[in-house]
């Protein structure tokens, strides 16, 4: 999937730029396209990776349009009242989430220094691709390649330790550990 994404990335960007207006949305949706396609590849065989990437990009762009439309039409009164049916996560879910977060931090620590810095600025601190490139004095393409490599390496790290990156389900060992109350 990575190869198909890299070969079609500029075309996906052009395609997305026709569907969304803001350049930062194009950057975000391009990266999200890769993430979703990469995560899905582990669950199923993708016979036509190029077509699949474009389908994911289109769906993400449409979702983004709907999200922006809903944001503009929601009133302040709606925002002031918290939803009544929101439940706090269970103790098991909290422990599992903390374990996965700690493991993800370990995965990020294993990245090469520049890749780690780019990854953290882009994905944790939320800087745009352009801002990261400017801050570090590298090209936007370099930023994009470091982020993609970081995502792939972190996903591999998590998978090697029994966590399916991109999935919510905990592996059985982590679930059993959370039930017993043991900490990692």
C-alpha atoms as a PDB file:
ATOM      1  CA  UNK A   1       0.000   0.000   0.000  1.00  0.00           C
ATOM      2  CA  UNK A   2       2.889   2.334   0.799  1.00  0.00           C
ATOM      3  CA  UNK A   3       4.294   1.943  -2.708  1.00  0.00           C
ATOM      4  CA  UNK A   4       0.885   2.617  -4.303  1.00  0.00           C
ATOM      5  CA  UNK A   5       0.440   5.677  -2.098  1.00  0.00           C
ATOM      6  CA  UNK A   6       3.860   7.124  -2.929  1.00  0.00           C
ATOM      7  CA  UNK A   7       3.316   6.526  -6.654  1.00  0.00           C
ATOM      8  CA  UNK A   8      -0.109   8.228  -6.599  1.00  0.00           C
ATOM      9  CA  UNK A   9       0.376  10.842  -3.903  1.00  0.00           C
ATOM     10  CA  UNK A  10       0.547  13.885  -6.180  1.00  0.00           C
ATOM     11  CA  UNK A  11      -2.549  12.728  -8.067  1.00  0.00           C
ATOM     12  CA  UNK A  12      -4.417  12.183  -4.801  1.00  0.00           C
ATOM     13  CA  UNK A  13      -3.420  15.692  -3.690  1.00  0.00           C
ATOM     14  CA  UNK A  14      -4.744  17.204  -6.934  1.00  0.00           C
ATOM     15  CA  UNK A  15      -7.930  15.162  -6.610  1.00  0.00           C
ATOM     16  CA  UNK A  16      -8.461  16.298  -3.013  1.00  0.00           C
ATOM     17  CA  UNK A  17      -7.700  19.934  -3.862  1.00  0.00           C
ATOM     18  CA  UNK A  18     -10.706  19.882  -6.191  1.00  0.00           C
ATOM     19  CA  UNK A  19     -12.914  18.581  -3.379  1.00  0.00           C
ATOM     20  CA  UNK A  20     -11.791  20.712  -0.406  1.00  0.00           C
ATOM     21  CA  UNK A  21     -10.786  24.357  -0.319  1.00  0.00           C
ATOM     22  CA  UNK A  22      -8.193  24.764   2.393  1.00  0.00           C
ATOM     23  CA  UNK A  23      -4.625  23.615   1.576  1.00  0.00           C
ATOM     24  CA  UNK A  24      -4.135  22.311   5.130  1.00  0.00           C
ATOM     25  CA  UNK A  25      -7.208  20.097   4.633  1.00  0.00           C
ATOM     26  CA  UNK A  26      -5.603  18.662   1.495  1.00  0.00           C
ATOM     27  CA  UNK A  27      -2.456  17.830   3.510  1.00  0.00           C
ATOM     28  CA  UNK A  28      -4.439  16.310   6.362  1.00  0.00           C
ATOM     29  CA  UNK A  29      -6.730  14.295   4.103  1.00  0.00           C
ATOM     30  CA  UNK A  30      -3.782  13.021   2.055  1.00  0.00           C
ATOM     31  CA  UNK A  31      -2.126  11.695   5.199  1.00  0.00           C
ATOM     32  CA  UNK A  32      -5.397  10.318   6.533  1.00  0.00           C
ATOM     33  CA  UNK A  33      -5.925   8.548   3.197  1.00  0.00           C
ATOM     34  CA  UNK A  34      -2.631   6.749   3.667  1.00  0.00           C
ATOM     35  CA  UNK A  35      -3.386   5.894   7.302  1.00  0.00           C
ATOM     36  CA  UNK A  36      -6.818   4.467   6.554  1.00  0.00           C
ATOM     37  CA  UNK A  37      -5.631   2.498   3.535  1.00  0.00           C
ATOM     38  CA  UNK A  38      -2.603   1.162   5.397  1.00  0.00           C
ATOM     39  CA  UNK A  39      -4.729   0.083   8.371  1.00  0.00           C
ATOM     40  CA  UNK A  40      -7.290  -1.567   6.078  1.00  0.00           C
ATOM     41  CA  UNK A  41      -4.599  -3.448   4.197  1.00  0.00           C
ATOM     42  CA  UNK A  42      -3.948  -5.568   7.289  1.00  0.00           C
ATOM     43  CA  UNK A  43      -7.591  -6.680   7.376  1.00  0.00           C
ATOM     44  CA  UNK A  44      -8.185  -7.401   3.710  1.00  0.00           C
ATOM     45  CA  UNK A  45      -6.461  -7.939   0.397  1.00  0.00           C
ATOM     46  CA  UNK A  46      -6.712  -4.847  -1.736  1.00  0.00           C
ATOM     47  CA  UNK A  47      -6.759  -5.941  -5.366  1.00  0.00           C
ATOM     48  CA  UNK A  48      -6.568  -2.423  -6.848  1.00  0.00           C
ATOM     49  CA  UNK A  49      -4.567  -0.233  -4.421  1.00  0.00           C
ATOM     50  CA  UNK A  50      -4.728   2.892  -6.614  1.00  0.00           C
ATOM     51  CA  UNK A  51      -8.517   2.765  -6.931  1.00  0.00           C
ATOM     52  CA  UNK A  52      -8.817   1.980  -3.233  1.00  0.00           C
ATOM     53  CA  UNK A  53      -6.675   5.017  -2.301  1.00  0.00           C
ATOM     54  CA  UNK A  54      -8.816   7.318  -4.440  1.00  0.00           C
ATOM     55  CA  UNK A  55     -12.015   5.878  -2.941  1.00  0.00           C
ATOM     56  CA  UNK A  56     -10.701   6.445   0.586  1.00  0.00           C
ATOM     57  CA  UNK A  57      -9.637  10.002  -0.357  1.00  0.00           C
ATOM     58  CA  UNK A  58     -13.064  10.760  -1.826  1.00  0.00           C
ATOM     59  CA  UNK A  59     -14.892   9.418   1.232  1.00  0.00           C
ATOM     60  CA  UNK A  60     -12.663  11.398   3.584  1.00  0.00           C
ATOM     61  CA  UNK A  61     -13.196  14.591   1.562  1.00  0.00           C
ATOM     62  CA  UNK A  62     -16.964  14.106   1.602  1.00  0.00           C
ATOM     63  CA  UNK A  63     -16.883  13.466   5.361  1.00  0.00           C
ATOM     64  CA  UNK A  64     -14.840  16.640   5.825  1.00  0.00           C
ATOM     65  CA  UNK A  65     -17.376  18.662   3.825  1.00  0.00           C
ATOM     66  CA  UNK A  66     -20.227  17.307   5.940  1.00  0.00           C
ATOM     67  CA  UNK A  67     -18.301  17.996   9.136  1.00  0.00           C
ATOM     68  CA  UNK A  68     -17.636  21.602   8.105  1.00  0.00           C
ATOM     69  CA  UNK A  69     -21.279  22.074   7.095  1.00  0.00           C
ATOM     70  CA  UNK A  70     -22.464  20.699  10.440  1.00  0.00           C
ATOM     71  CA  UNK A  71     -20.013  22.888  12.338  1.00  0.00           C
ATOM     72  CA  UNK A  72     -21.273  26.012  10.618  1.00  0.00           C
ATOM     73  CA  UNK A  73     -24.925  25.212  11.269  1.00  0.00           C
ATOM     74  CA  UNK A  74     -24.701  24.154  14.905  1.00  0.00           C
ATOM     75  CA  UNK A  75     -25.757  26.797  17.376  1.00  0.00           C
ATOM     76  CA  UNK A  76     -23.958  27.956  20.477  1.00  0.00           C
ATOM     77  CA  UNK A  77     -26.808  26.639  22.597  1.00  0.00           C
ATOM     78  CA  UNK A  78     -26.209  23.136  21.272  1.00  0.00           C
ATOM     79  CA  UNK A  79     -22.554  23.409  22.197  1.00  0.00           C
ATOM     80  CA  UNK A  80     -23.273  24.624  25.735  1.00  0.00           C
ATOM     81  CA  UNK A  81     -25.137  21.479  26.780  1.00  0.00           C
ATOM     82  CA  UNK A  82     -23.023  18.317  27.097  1.00  0.00           C
ATOM     83  CA  UNK A  83     -24.638  15.174  25.685  1.00  0.00           C
ATOM     84  CA  UNK A  84     -26.588  13.274  28.323  1.00  0.00           C
ATOM     85  CA  UNK A  85     -25.675   9.808  27.102  1.00  0.00           C
ATOM     86  CA  UNK A  86     -21.870  10.158  27.244  1.00  0.00           C
ATOM     87  CA  UNK A  87     -20.406   7.582  29.590  1.00  0.00           C
ATOM     88  CA  UNK A  88     -17.000   7.592  31.210  1.00  0.00           C
ATOM     89  CA  UNK A  89     -14.730   4.852  29.905  1.00  0.00           C
ATOM     90  CA  UNK A  90     -14.644   1.654  31.925  1.00  0.00           C
ATOM     91  CA  UNK A  91     -11.659   0.917  34.135  1.00  0.00           C
ATOM     92  CA  UNK A  92     -10.544  -1.742  31.688  1.00  0.00           C
ATOM     93  CA  UNK A  93     -10.724   0.661  28.756  1.00  0.00           C
ATOM     94  CA  UNK A  94      -8.805   3.283  30.739  1.00  0.00           C
ATOM     95  CA  UNK A  95      -5.996   0.843  31.622  1.00  0.00           C
ATOM     96  CA  UNK A  96      -5.849  -0.461  28.057  1.00  0.00           C
ATOM     97  CA  UNK A  97      -5.726   3.082  26.674  1.00  0.00           C
ATOM     98  CA  UNK A  98      -2.903   4.014  29.026  1.00  0.00           C
ATOM     99  CA  UNK A  99      -0.965   0.875  28.087  1.00  0.00           C
ATOM    100  CA  UNK A 100      -1.374   1.552  24.400  1.00  0.00           C
ATOM    101  CA  UNK A 101      -0.353   5.198  24.844  1.00  0.00           C
ATOM    102  CA  UNK A 102       2.797   4.150  26.717  1.00  0.00           C
ATOM    103  CA  UNK A 103       3.616   1.621  24.007  1.00  0.00           C
ATOM    104  CA  UNK A 104       3.029   4.240  21.314  1.00  0.00           C
ATOM    105  CA  UNK A 105       5.405   6.613  23.124  1.00  0.00           C
ATOM    106  CA  UNK A 106       8.009   3.828  23.118  1.00  0.00           C
ATOM    107  CA  UNK A 107       7.423   3.359  19.385  1.00  0.00           C
ATOM    108  CA  UNK A 108       7.948   7.071  18.729  1.00  0.00           C
ATOM    109  CA  UNK A 109      11.159   6.974  20.790  1.00  0.00           C
ATOM    110  CA  UNK A 110      12.569   4.332  18.434  1.00  0.00           C
ATOM    111  CA  UNK A 111      12.247   6.609  15.386  1.00  0.00           C
ATOM    112  CA  UNK A 112      15.400   8.228  13.987  1.00  0.00           C
ATOM    113  CA  UNK A 113      15.896  11.737  15.460  1.00  0.00           C
ATOM    114  CA  UNK A 114      14.758  13.851  12.499  1.00  0.00           C
ATOM    115  CA  UNK A 115      11.864  11.522  11.724  1.00  0.00           C
ATOM    116  CA  UNK A 116      10.793  11.657  15.387  1.00  0.00           C
ATOM    117  CA  UNK A 117      10.978  15.464  15.480  1.00  0.00           C
ATOM    118  CA  UNK A 118       8.947  15.833  12.280  1.00  0.00           C
ATOM    119  CA  UNK A 119       6.440  13.234  13.448  1.00  0.00           C
ATOM    120  CA  UNK A 120       5.911  14.902  16.823  1.00  0.00           C
ATOM    121  CA  UNK A 121       5.586  18.407  15.383  1.00  0.00           C
ATOM    122  CA  UNK A 122       3.088  17.253  12.766  1.00  0.00           C
ATOM    123  CA  UNK A 123       1.030  14.640  14.595  1.00  0.00           C
ATOM    124  CA  UNK A 124       1.288  15.614  18.263  1.00  0.00           C
ATOM    125  CA  UNK A 125       1.690  19.378  18.156  1.00  0.00           C
ATOM    126  CA  UNK A 126      -0.592  19.721  15.128  1.00  0.00           C
ATOM    127  CA  UNK A 127       1.623  21.955  13.012  1.00  0.00           C
ATOM    128  CA  UNK A 128       0.897  22.021   9.305  1.00  0.00           C
ATOM    129  CA  UNK A 129       3.270  20.384   6.886  1.00  0.00           C
ATOM    130  CA  UNK A 130       4.397  23.815   5.706  1.00  0.00           C
ATOM    131  CA  UNK A 131       5.029  25.017   9.294  1.00  0.00           C
ATOM    132  CA  UNK A 132       7.117  21.946  10.121  1.00  0.00           C
ATOM    133  CA  UNK A 133       9.130  22.337   6.917  1.00  0.00           C
ATOM    134  CA  UNK A 134       9.770  26.014   7.639  1.00  0.00           C
ATOM    135  CA  UNK A 135      10.683  25.395  11.289  1.00  0.00           C
ATOM    136  CA  UNK A 136      13.160  22.605  10.493  1.00  0.00           C
ATOM    137  CA  UNK A 137      14.488  24.030   7.229  1.00  0.00           C
ATOM    138  CA  UNK A 138      13.478  21.035   5.122  1.00  0.00           C
ATOM    139  CA  UNK A 139      11.155  20.578   2.163  1.00  0.00           C
ATOM    140  CA  UNK A 140       7.476  19.730   2.560  1.00  0.00           C
ATOM    141  CA  UNK A 141       8.174  16.481   0.720  1.00  0.00           C
ATOM    142  CA  UNK A 142      10.744  15.566   3.369  1.00  0.00           C
ATOM    143  CA  UNK A 143       8.196  16.289   6.091  1.00  0.00           C
ATOM    144  CA  UNK A 144       5.647  14.096   4.359  1.00  0.00           C
ATOM    145  CA  UNK A 145       8.090  11.223   3.900  1.00  0.00           C
ATOM    146  CA  UNK A 146       9.180  11.381   7.556  1.00  0.00           C
ATOM    147  CA  UNK A 147       5.563  11.376   8.755  1.00  0.00           C
ATOM    148  CA  UNK A 148       4.687   8.421   6.515  1.00  0.00           C
ATOM    149  CA  UNK A 149       7.790   6.508   7.624  1.00  0.00           C
ATOM    150  CA  UNK A 150       7.032   7.310  11.260  1.00  0.00           C
ATOM    151  CA  UNK A 151       3.468   6.050  10.926  1.00  0.00           C
ATOM    152  CA  UNK A 152       4.600   2.824   9.279  1.00  0.00           C
ATOM    153  CA  UNK A 153       7.348   2.186  11.847  1.00  0.00           C
ATOM    154  CA  UNK A 154       5.066   2.950  14.808  1.00  0.00           C
ATOM    155  CA  UNK A 155       2.366   0.658  13.414  1.00  0.00           C
ATOM    156  CA  UNK A 156       4.933  -2.121  12.972  1.00  0.00           C
ATOM    157  CA  UNK A 157       6.213  -1.587  16.510  1.00  0.00           C
ATOM    158  CA  UNK A 158       2.689  -1.842  17.920  1.00  0.00           C
ATOM    159  CA  UNK A 159       1.855  -4.925  15.839  1.00  0.00           C
ATOM    160  CA  UNK A 160       5.034  -6.688  16.986  1.00  0.00           C
ATOM    161  CA  UNK A 161       3.826  -6.202  20.550  1.00  0.00           C
ATOM    162  CA  UNK A 162       0.333  -7.555  19.962  1.00  0.00           C
ATOM    163  CA  UNK A 163      -1.565  -4.357  19.221  1.00  0.00           C
ATOM    164  CA  UNK A 164      -3.257  -3.878  15.889  1.00  0.00           C
ATOM    165  CA  UNK A 165      -2.516  -0.260  14.954  1.00  0.00           C
ATOM    166  CA  UNK A 166      -5.670   1.516  13.846  1.00  0.00           C
ATOM    167  CA  UNK A 167      -7.950  -0.870  15.716  1.00  0.00           C
ATOM    168  CA  UNK A 168      -9.719  -0.274  18.986  1.00  0.00           C
ATOM    169  CA  UNK A 169      -9.755  -3.871  20.221  1.00  0.00           C
ATOM    170  CA  UNK A 170      -7.111  -4.825  22.735  1.00  0.00           C
ATOM    171  CA  UNK A 171      -5.215  -8.044  22.275  1.00  0.00           C
ATOM    172  CA  UNK A 172      -6.364 -10.779  24.633  1.00  0.00           C
ATOM    173  CA  UNK A 173      -3.254 -10.491  26.821  1.00  0.00           C
ATOM    174  CA  UNK A 174      -3.811  -6.761  27.361  1.00  0.00           C
ATOM    175  CA  UNK A 175      -7.490  -7.367  28.140  1.00  0.00           C
ATOM    176  CA  UNK A 176      -6.626 -10.044  30.688  1.00  0.00           C
ATOM    177  CA  UNK A 177      -4.000  -7.787  32.226  1.00  0.00           C
ATOM    178  CA  UNK A 178      -6.474  -4.910  32.466  1.00  0.00           C
ATOM    179  CA  UNK A 179      -9.066  -7.193  34.116  1.00  0.00           C
ATOM    180  CA  UNK A 180      -6.600  -8.402  36.708  1.00  0.00           C
ATOM    181  CA  UNK A 181      -5.621  -4.832  37.585  1.00  0.00           C
ATOM    182  CA  UNK A 182      -1.938  -5.347  36.843  1.00  0.00           C
ATOM    183  CA  UNK A 183      -0.058  -2.390  35.465  1.00  0.00           C
ATOM    184  CA  UNK A 184       2.432  -2.514  32.599  1.00  0.00           C
END
